[in-house]
Amino acid sequence: MSNLQRLFTIGLASSIAGCDPVFQVAGANFPSWLPCLIAGVSAAAVARPIFVRLGIEPYVGPLPLIYSSLALLVAMLVWIVFFNRI
């Protein structure tokens, strides 16, 4: 199996298993992407006042792109740390 085929197989397998982890809170099942989303949005919301206070917000680029990318980065890190089964 070539490296490209192996990479494609791993990518396909990881995308199929994307909705698998579920956790329970008080008897209700929640998908694992929900706390990842909450953590990402919270991190972006906390980062904005820090960027403003440090005076670097005008220099970071298009703000919607920066903050949504930050939220996505944190959400993916939370997913990898807490919900990765590979």
PDB file of N, CA and C in Angstrom:
ATOM      1  N   MET A   1       0.854  -1.180   0.000  1.00  0.00           N
ATOM      2  CA  MET A   1       0.000   0.000   0.000  1.00  0.00           C
ATOM      3  C   MET A   1       0.896   1.237   0.000  1.00  0.00           C
ATOM      4  N   SER A   2       0.652   2.142  -0.915  1.00  0.00           N
ATOM      5  CA  SER A   2       1.472   3.344  -0.997  1.00  0.00           C
ATOM      6  C   SER A   2       1.118   4.321   0.125  1.00  0.00           C
ATOM      7  N   ASN A   3       1.966   5.297   0.311  1.00  0.00           N
ATOM      8  CA  ASN A   3       1.735   6.286   1.367  1.00  0.00           C
ATOM      9  C   ASN A   3       0.473   7.095   1.111  1.00  0.00           C
ATOM     10  N   LEU A   4       0.199   7.400  -0.155  1.00  0.00           N
ATOM     11  CA  LEU A   4      -0.997   8.167  -0.491  1.00  0.00           C
ATOM     12  C   LEU A   4      -2.261   7.368  -0.184  1.00  0.00           C
ATOM     13  N   GLN A   5      -2.260   6.089  -0.494  1.00  0.00           N
ATOM     14  CA  GLN A   5      -3.416   5.246  -0.197  1.00  0.00           C
ATOM     15  C   GLN A   5      -3.596   5.112   1.316  1.00  0.00           C
ATOM     16  N   ARG A   6      -2.497   4.968   2.029  1.00  0.00           N
ATOM     17  CA  ARG A   6      -2.571   4.840   3.491  1.00  0.00           C
ATOM     18  C   ARG A   6      -3.123   6.125   4.115  1.00  0.00           C
ATOM     19  N   LEU A   7      -2.666   7.272   3.623  1.00  0.00           N
ATOM     20  CA  LEU A   7      -3.150   8.558   4.114  1.00  0.00           C
ATOM     21  C   LEU A   7      -4.635   8.738   3.817  1.00  0.00           C
ATOM     22  N   PHE A   8      -5.047   8.353   2.619  1.00  0.00           N
ATOM     23  CA  PHE A   8      -6.456   8.442   2.252  1.00  0.00           C
ATOM     24  C   PHE A   8      -7.309   7.536   3.137  1.00  0.00           C
ATOM     25  N   THR A   9      -6.837   6.335   3.413  1.00  0.00           N
ATOM     26  CA  THR A   9      -7.579   5.394   4.260  1.00  0.00           C
ATOM     27  C   THR A   9      -7.713   5.923   5.683  1.00  0.00           C
ATOM     28  N   ILE A  10      -6.645   6.468   6.221  1.00  0.00           N
ATOM     29  CA  ILE A  10      -6.693   7.027   7.574  1.00  0.00           C
ATOM     30  C   ILE A  10      -7.627   8.222   7.628  1.00  0.00           C
ATOM     31  N   GLY A  11      -7.561   9.103   6.623  1.00  0.00           N
ATOM     32  CA  GLY A  11      -8.454  10.265   6.576  1.00  0.00           C
ATOM     33  C   GLY A  11      -9.918   9.857   6.469  1.00  0.00           C
ATOM     34  N   LEU A  12     -10.205   8.847   5.646  1.00  0.00           N
ATOM     35  CA  LEU A  12     -11.575   8.375   5.498  1.00  0.00           C
ATOM     36  C   LEU A  12     -12.085   7.751   6.788  1.00  0.00           C
ATOM     37  N   ALA A  13     -11.258   6.940   7.418  1.00  0.00           N
ATOM     38  CA  ALA A  13     -11.667   6.292   8.664  1.00  0.00           C
ATOM     39  C   ALA A  13     -11.900   7.308   9.777  1.00  0.00           C
ATOM     40  N   SER A  14     -11.064   8.326   9.843  1.00  0.00           N
ATOM     41  CA  SER A  14     -11.245   9.320  10.903  1.00  0.00           C
ATOM     42  C   SER A  14     -12.461  10.206  10.648  1.00  0.00           C
ATOM     43  N   SER A  15     -12.812  10.441   9.389  1.00  0.00           N
ATOM     44  CA  SER A  15     -14.001  11.256   9.116  1.00  0.00           C
ATOM     45  C   SER A  15     -15.282  10.473   9.338  1.00  0.00           C
ATOM     46  N   ILE A  16     -15.249   9.177   9.133  1.00  0.00           N
ATOM     47  CA  ILE A  16     -16.440   8.353   9.366  1.00  0.00           C
ATOM     48  C   ILE A  16     -16.725   8.249  10.859  1.00  0.00           C
ATOM     49  N   ALA A  17     -15.694   8.165  11.662  1.00  0.00           N
ATOM     50  CA  ALA A  17     -15.863   7.995  13.108  1.00  0.00           C
ATOM     51  C   ALA A  17     -16.039   9.327  13.825  1.00  0.00           C
ATOM     52  N   GLY A  18     -16.300  10.401  13.115  1.00  0.00           N
ATOM     53  CA  GLY A  18     -16.360  11.724  13.704  1.00  0.00           C
ATOM     54  C   GLY A  18     -17.475  11.942  14.708  1.00  0.00           C
ATOM     55  N   CYS A  19     -18.584  11.250  14.586  1.00  0.00           N
ATOM     56  CA  CYS A  19     -19.713  11.452  15.482  1.00  0.00           C
ATOM     57  C   CYS A  19     -19.821  10.364  16.534  1.00  0.00           C
ATOM     58  N   ASP A  20     -18.821   9.525  16.658  1.00  0.00           N
ATOM     59  CA  ASP A  20     -18.913   8.375  17.533  1.00  0.00           C
ATOM     60  C   ASP A  20     -18.929   8.712  19.021  1.00  0.00           C
ATOM     61  N   PRO A  21     -17.985   9.483  19.559  1.00  0.00           N
ATOM     62  CA  PRO A  21     -17.970   9.680  21.010  1.00  0.00           C
ATOM     63  C   PRO A  21     -19.198  10.439  21.509  1.00  0.00           C
ATOM     64  N   VAL A  22     -19.816   9.869  22.502  1.00  0.00           N
ATOM     65  CA  VAL A  22     -20.982  10.471  23.148  1.00  0.00           C
ATOM     66  C   VAL A  22     -20.755  10.364  24.646  1.00  0.00           C
ATOM     67  N   PHE A  23     -21.121  11.385  25.398  1.00  0.00           N
ATOM     68  CA  PHE A  23     -20.992  11.309  26.847  1.00  0.00           C
ATOM     69  C   PHE A  23     -22.334  11.621  27.489  1.00  0.00           C
ATOM     70  N   GLN A  24     -22.489  11.184  28.723  1.00  0.00           N
ATOM     71  CA  GLN A  24     -23.757  11.356  29.424  1.00  0.00           C
ATOM     72  C   GLN A  24     -23.632  12.395  30.523  1.00  0.00           C
ATOM     73  N   VAL A  25     -24.675  13.232  30.610  1.00  0.00           N
ATOM     74  CA  VAL A  25     -24.800  14.192  31.695  1.00  0.00           C
ATOM     75  C   VAL A  25     -26.221  14.077  32.216  1.00  0.00           C
ATOM     76  N   ALA A  26     -26.361  13.637  33.449  1.00  0.00           N
ATOM     77  CA  ALA A  26     -27.668  13.484  34.103  1.00  0.00           C
ATOM     78  C   ALA A  26     -28.613  12.614  33.268  1.00  0.00           C
ATOM     79  N   GLY A  27     -28.079  11.563  32.659  1.00  0.00           N
ATOM     80  CA  GLY A  27     -28.904  10.627  31.906  1.00  0.00           C
ATOM     81  C   GLY A  27     -29.165  11.014  30.468  1.00  0.00           C
ATOM     82  N   ALA A  28     -28.736  12.191  30.042  1.00  0.00           N
ATOM     83  CA  ALA A  28     -28.941  12.624  28.661  1.00  0.00           C
ATOM     84  C   ALA A  28     -27.635  12.449  27.883  1.00  0.00           C
ATOM     85  N   ASN A  29     -27.751  11.983  26.654  1.00  0.00           N
ATOM     86  CA  ASN A  29     -26.578  11.790  25.804  1.00  0.00           C
ATOM     87  C   ASN A  29     -26.285  13.063  25.013  1.00  0.00           C
ATOM     88  N   PHE A  30     -25.021  13.451  25.002  1.00  0.00           N
ATOM     89  CA  PHE A  30     -24.591  14.633  24.260  1.00  0.00           C
ATOM     90  C   PHE A  30     -23.453  14.241  23.328  1.00  0.00           C
ATOM     91  N   PRO A  31     -23.434  14.800  22.117  1.00  0.00           N
ATOM     92  CA  PRO A  31     -22.297  14.517  21.228  1.00  0.00           C
ATOM     93  C   PRO A  31     -21.045  15.212  21.745  1.00  0.00           C
ATOM     94  N   SER A  32     -19.918  14.627  21.456  1.00  0.00           N
ATOM     95  CA  SER A  32     -18.668  15.170  22.002  1.00  0.00           C
ATOM     96  C   SER A  32     -18.253  16.484  21.349  1.00  0.00           C
ATOM     97  N   TRP A  33     -18.819  16.822  20.200  1.00  0.00           N
ATOM     98  CA  TRP A  33     -18.441  18.091  19.576  1.00  0.00           C
ATOM     99  C   TRP A  33     -19.003  19.277  20.341  1.00  0.00           C
ATOM    100  N   LEU A  34     -20.011  19.041  21.170  1.00  0.00           N
ATOM    101  CA  LEU A  34     -20.630  20.145  21.908  1.00  0.00           C
ATOM    102  C   LEU A  34     -19.676  20.793  22.913  1.00  0.00           C
ATOM    103  N   PRO A  35     -19.011  20.038  23.792  1.00  0.00           N
ATOM    104  CA  PRO A  35     -18.045  20.714  24.682  1.00  0.00           C
ATOM    105  C   PRO A  35     -16.854  21.280  23.923  1.00  0.00           C
ATOM    106  N   CYS A  36     -16.494  20.668  22.799  1.00  0.00           N
ATOM    107  CA  CYS A  36     -15.405  21.213  21.981  1.00  0.00           C
ATOM    108  C   CYS A  36     -15.791  22.584  21.440  1.00  0.00           C
ATOM    109  N   LEU A  37     -17.026  22.696  20.955  1.00  0.00           N
ATOM    110  CA  LEU A  37     -17.523  23.971  20.449  1.00  0.00           C
ATOM    111  C   LEU A  37     -17.572  25.019  21.551  1.00  0.00           C
ATOM    112  N   ILE A  38     -18.068  24.642  22.700  1.00  0.00           N
ATOM    113  CA  ILE A  38     -18.164  25.574  23.826  1.00  0.00           C
ATOM    114  C   ILE A  38     -16.773  26.045  24.252  1.00  0.00           C
ATOM    115  N   ALA A  39     -15.807  25.126  24.308  1.00  0.00           N
ATOM    116  CA  ALA A  39     -14.442  25.496  24.695  1.00  0.00           C
ATOM    117  C   ALA A  39     -13.813  26.432  23.664  1.00  0.00           C
ATOM    118  N   GLY A  40     -14.041  26.165  22.383  1.00  0.00           N
ATOM    119  CA  GLY A  40     -13.470  27.008  21.344  1.00  0.00           C
ATOM    120  C   GLY A  40     -14.024  28.413  21.351  1.00  0.00           C
ATOM    121  N   VAL A  41     -15.340  28.527  21.454  1.00  0.00           N
ATOM    122  CA  VAL A  41     -15.970  29.848  21.476  1.00  0.00           C
ATOM    123  C   VAL A  41     -15.573  30.605  22.745  1.00  0.00           C
ATOM    124  N   SER A  42     -15.492  29.895  23.860  1.00  0.00           N
ATOM    125  CA  SER A  42     -15.082  30.534  25.115  1.00  0.00           C
ATOM    126  C   SER A  42     -13.646  31.050  25.030  1.00  0.00           C
ATOM    127  N   ALA A  43     -12.774  30.277  24.422  1.00  0.00           N
ATOM    128  CA  ALA A  43     -11.376  30.704  24.291  1.00  0.00           C
ATOM    129  C   ALA A  43     -11.264  31.944  23.410  1.00  0.00           C
ATOM    130  N   ALA A  44     -12.034  31.987  22.331  1.00  0.00           N
ATOM    131  CA  ALA A  44     -12.004  33.167  21.467  1.00  0.00           C
ATOM    132  C   ALA A  44     -12.572  34.385  22.188  1.00  0.00           C
ATOM    133  N   ALA A  45     -13.607  34.165  22.996  1.00  0.00           N
ATOM    134  CA  ALA A  45     -14.200  35.272  23.748  1.00  0.00           C
ATOM    135  C   ALA A  45     -13.246  35.791  24.828  1.00  0.00           C
ATOM    136  N   VAL A  46     -12.465  34.906  25.407  1.00  0.00           N
ATOM    137  CA  VAL A  46     -11.492  35.318  26.423  1.00  0.00           C
ATOM    138  C   VAL A  46     -10.281  35.980  25.770  1.00  0.00           C
ATOM    139  N   ALA A  47      -9.925  35.540  24.570  1.00  0.00           N
ATOM    140  CA  ALA A  47      -8.737  36.080  23.898  1.00  0.00           C
ATOM    141  C   ALA A  47      -8.942  37.514  23.431  1.00  0.00           C
ATOM    142  N   ARG A  48     -10.168  37.886  23.065  1.00  0.00           N
ATOM    143  CA  ARG A  48     -10.388  39.239  22.538  1.00  0.00           C
ATOM    144  C   ARG A  48     -10.005  40.343  23.526  1.00  0.00           C
ATOM    145  N   PRO A  49     -10.505  40.305  24.775  1.00  0.00           N
ATOM    146  CA  PRO A  49     -10.079  41.366  25.705  1.00  0.00           C
ATOM    147  C   PRO A  49      -8.571  41.363  25.978  1.00  0.00           C
ATOM    148  N   ILE A  50      -7.969  40.191  25.911  1.00  0.00           N
ATOM    149  CA  ILE A  50      -6.515  40.119  26.113  1.00  0.00           C
ATOM    150  C   ILE A  50      -5.803  40.806  24.949  1.00  0.00           C
ATOM    151  N   PHE A  51      -6.252  40.530  23.717  1.00  0.00           N
ATOM    152  CA  PHE A  51      -5.651  41.181  22.552  1.00  0.00           C
ATOM    153  C   PHE A  51      -5.854  42.693  22.594  1.00  0.00           C
ATOM    154  N   VAL A  52      -7.032  43.131  23.029  1.00  0.00           N
ATOM    155  CA  VAL A  52      -7.310  44.568  23.106  1.00  0.00           C
ATOM    156  C   VAL A  52      -6.428  45.211  24.173  1.00  0.00           C
ATOM    157  N   ARG A  53      -6.330  44.567  25.321  1.00  0.00           N
ATOM    158  CA  ARG A  53      -5.530  45.122  26.418  1.00  0.00           C
ATOM    159  C   ARG A  53      -4.049  45.214  26.047  1.00  0.00           C
ATOM    160  N   LEU A  54      -3.556  44.216  25.310  1.00  0.00           N
ATOM    161  CA  LEU A  54      -2.160  44.240  24.883  1.00  0.00           C
ATOM    162  C   LEU A  54      -1.916  45.181  23.716  1.00  0.00           C
ATOM    163  N   GLY A  55      -3.002  45.625  23.062  1.00  0.00           N
ATOM    164  CA  GLY A  55      -2.874  46.558  21.951  1.00  0.00           C
ATOM    165  C   GLY A  55      -2.494  45.911  20.631  1.00  0.00           C
ATOM    166  N   ILE A  56      -2.673  44.612  20.514  1.00  0.00           N
ATOM    167  CA  ILE A  56      -2.275  43.937  19.275  1.00  0.00           C
ATOM    168  C   ILE A  56      -3.456  43.625  18.353  1.00  0.00           C
ATOM    169  N   GLU A  57      -4.675  43.897  18.798  1.00  0.00           N
ATOM    170  CA  GLU A  57      -5.827  43.553  17.968  1.00  0.00           C
ATOM    171  C   GLU A  57      -5.831  44.266  16.608  1.00  0.00           C
ATOM    172  N   PRO A  58      -5.458  45.535  16.504  1.00  0.00           N
ATOM    173  CA  PRO A  58      -5.456  46.171  15.175  1.00  0.00           C
ATOM    174  C   PRO A  58      -4.449  45.574  14.199  1.00  0.00           C
ATOM    175  N   TYR A  59      -3.489  44.820  14.685  1.00  0.00           N
ATOM    176  CA  TYR A  59      -2.415  44.316  13.840  1.00  0.00           C
ATOM    177  C   TYR A  59      -2.559  42.843  13.469  1.00  0.00           C
ATOM    178  N   VAL A  60      -3.543  42.141  14.000  1.00  0.00           N
ATOM    179  CA  VAL A  60      -3.622  40.692  13.778  1.00  0.00           C
ATOM    180  C   VAL A  60      -4.286  40.310  12.468  1.00  0.00           C
ATOM    181  N   GLY A  61      -4.931  41.212  11.784  1.00  0.00           N
ATOM    182  CA  GLY A  61      -5.547  40.877  10.498  1.00  0.00           C
ATOM    183  C   GLY A  61      -7.053  40.964  10.560  1.00  0.00           C
ATOM    184  N   PRO A  62      -7.740  40.326   9.614  1.00  0.00           N
ATOM    185  CA  PRO A  62      -9.206  40.369   9.617  1.00  0.00           C
ATOM    186  C   PRO A  62      -9.755  39.662  10.866  1.00  0.00           C
ATOM    187  N   LEU A  63     -10.414  40.416  11.716  1.00  0.00           N
ATOM    188  CA  LEU A  63     -10.822  39.902  13.021  1.00  0.00           C
ATOM    189  C   LEU A  63     -11.764  38.696  12.951  1.00  0.00           C
ATOM    190  N   PRO A  64     -12.774  38.680  12.060  1.00  0.00           N
ATOM    191  CA  PRO A  64     -13.618  37.473  12.011  1.00  0.00           C
ATOM    192  C   PRO A  64     -12.822  36.214  11.669  1.00  0.00           C
ATOM    193  N   LEU A  65     -11.858  36.341  10.800  1.00  0.00           N
ATOM    194  CA  LEU A  65     -11.031  35.189  10.435  1.00  0.00           C
ATOM    195  C   LEU A  65     -10.147  34.758  11.597  1.00  0.00           C
ATOM    196  N   ILE A  66      -9.564  35.702  12.292  1.00  0.00           N
ATOM    197  CA  ILE A  66      -8.656  35.387  13.398  1.00  0.00           C
ATOM    198  C   ILE A  66      -9.397  34.718  14.542  1.00  0.00           C
ATOM    199  N   TYR A  67     -10.524  35.285  14.960  1.00  0.00           N
ATOM    200  CA  TYR A  67     -11.225  34.726  16.108  1.00  0.00           C
ATOM    201  C   TYR A  67     -11.919  33.414  15.785  1.00  0.00           C
ATOM    202  N   SER A  68     -12.437  33.260  14.578  1.00  0.00           N
ATOM    203  CA  SER A  68     -13.043  31.967  14.221  1.00  0.00           C
ATOM    204  C   SER A  68     -11.965  30.895  14.081  1.00  0.00           C
ATOM    205  N   SER A  69     -10.793  31.268  13.574  1.00  0.00           N
ATOM    206  CA  SER A  69      -9.685  30.307  13.489  1.00  0.00           C
ATOM    207  C   SER A  69      -9.191  29.912  14.872  1.00  0.00           C
ATOM    208  N   LEU A  70      -9.147  30.853  15.778  1.00  0.00           N
ATOM    209  CA  LEU A  70      -8.749  30.548  17.154  1.00  0.00           C
ATOM    210  C   LEU A  70      -9.753  29.604  17.809  1.00  0.00           C
ATOM    211  N   ALA A  71     -11.044  29.871  17.605  1.00  0.00           N
ATOM    212  CA  ALA A  71     -12.078  28.997  18.166  1.00  0.00           C
ATOM    213  C   ALA A  71     -11.973  27.593  17.578  1.00  0.00           C
ATOM    214  N   LEU A  72     -11.739  27.495  16.295  1.00  0.00           N
ATOM    215  CA  LEU A  72     -11.599  26.195  15.646  1.00  0.00           C
ATOM    216  C   LEU A  72     -10.362  25.460  16.144  1.00  0.00           C
ATOM    217  N   LEU A  73      -9.259  26.168  16.315  1.00  0.00           N
ATOM    218  CA  LEU A  73      -8.032  25.561  16.823  1.00  0.00           C
ATOM    219  C   LEU A  73      -8.243  24.979  18.221  1.00  0.00           C
ATOM    220  N   VAL A  74      -8.845  25.744  19.102  1.00  0.00           N
ATOM    221  CA  VAL A  74      -9.071  25.273  20.469  1.00  0.00           C
ATOM    222  C   VAL A  74     -10.055  24.106  20.473  1.00  0.00           C
ATOM    223  N   ALA A  75     -11.105  24.178  19.652  1.00  0.00           N
ATOM    224  CA  ALA A  75     -12.072  23.083  19.582  1.00  0.00           C
ATOM    225  C   ALA A  75     -11.403  21.792  19.120  1.00  0.00           C
ATOM    226  N   MET A  76     -10.533  21.885  18.134  1.00  0.00           N
ATOM    227  CA  MET A  76      -9.842  20.686  17.657  1.00  0.00           C
ATOM    228  C   MET A  76      -8.851  20.156  18.684  1.00  0.00           C
ATOM    229  N   LEU A  77      -8.184  21.034  19.401  1.00  0.00           N
ATOM    230  CA  LEU A  77      -7.275  20.582  20.456  1.00  0.00           C
ATOM    231  C   LEU A  77      -8.027  19.875  21.581  1.00  0.00           C
ATOM    232  N   VAL A  78      -9.178  20.398  21.951  1.00  0.00           N
ATOM    233  CA  VAL A  78      -9.996  19.742  22.978  1.00  0.00           C
ATOM    234  C   VAL A  78     -10.444  18.375  22.483  1.00  0.00           C
ATOM    235  N   TRP A  79     -10.826  18.300  21.215  1.00  0.00           N
ATOM    236  CA  TRP A  79     -11.237  17.013  20.637  1.00  0.00           C
ATOM    237  C   TRP A  79     -10.088  16.006  20.715  1.00  0.00           C
ATOM    238  N   ILE A  80      -8.881  16.422  20.318  1.00  0.00           N
ATOM    239  CA  ILE A  80      -7.753  15.511  20.305  1.00  0.00           C
ATOM    240  C   ILE A  80      -7.379  15.062  21.717  1.00  0.00           C
ATOM    241  N   VAL A  81      -7.403  15.978  22.659  1.00  0.00           N
ATOM    242  CA  VAL A  81      -6.996  15.656  24.021  1.00  0.00           C
ATOM    243  C   VAL A  81      -8.004  14.756  24.729  1.00  0.00           C
ATOM    244  N   PHE A  82      -9.300  15.043  24.591  1.00  0.00           N
ATOM    245  CA  PHE A  82     -10.286  14.347  25.400  1.00  0.00           C
ATOM    246  C   PHE A  82     -11.059  13.250  24.678  1.00  0.00           C
ATOM    247  N   PHE A  83     -11.213  13.328  23.364  1.00  0.00           N
ATOM    248  CA  PHE A  83     -12.114  12.405  22.674  1.00  0.00           C
ATOM    249  C   PHE A  83     -11.446  11.557  21.596  1.00  0.00           C
ATOM    250  N   ASN A  84     -10.161  11.654  21.419  1.00  0.00           N
ATOM    251  CA  ASN A  84      -9.478  10.895  20.390  1.00  0.00           C
ATOM    252  C   ASN A  84      -9.341   9.439  20.829  1.00  0.00           C
ATOM    253  N   ARG A  85      -9.788   8.525  19.986  1.00  0.00           N
ATOM    254  CA  ARG A  85      -9.712   7.090  20.325  1.00  0.00           C
ATOM    255  C   ARG A  85      -8.724   6.348  19.450  1.00  0.00           C
ATOM    256  N   ILE A  86      -7.964   7.038  18.636  1.00  0.00           N
ATOM    257  CA  ILE A  86      -7.049   6.352  17.717  1.00  0.00           C
ATOM    258  C   ILE A  86      -5.760   6.007  18.434  1.00  0.00           C
TER     259      ILE A  86
END
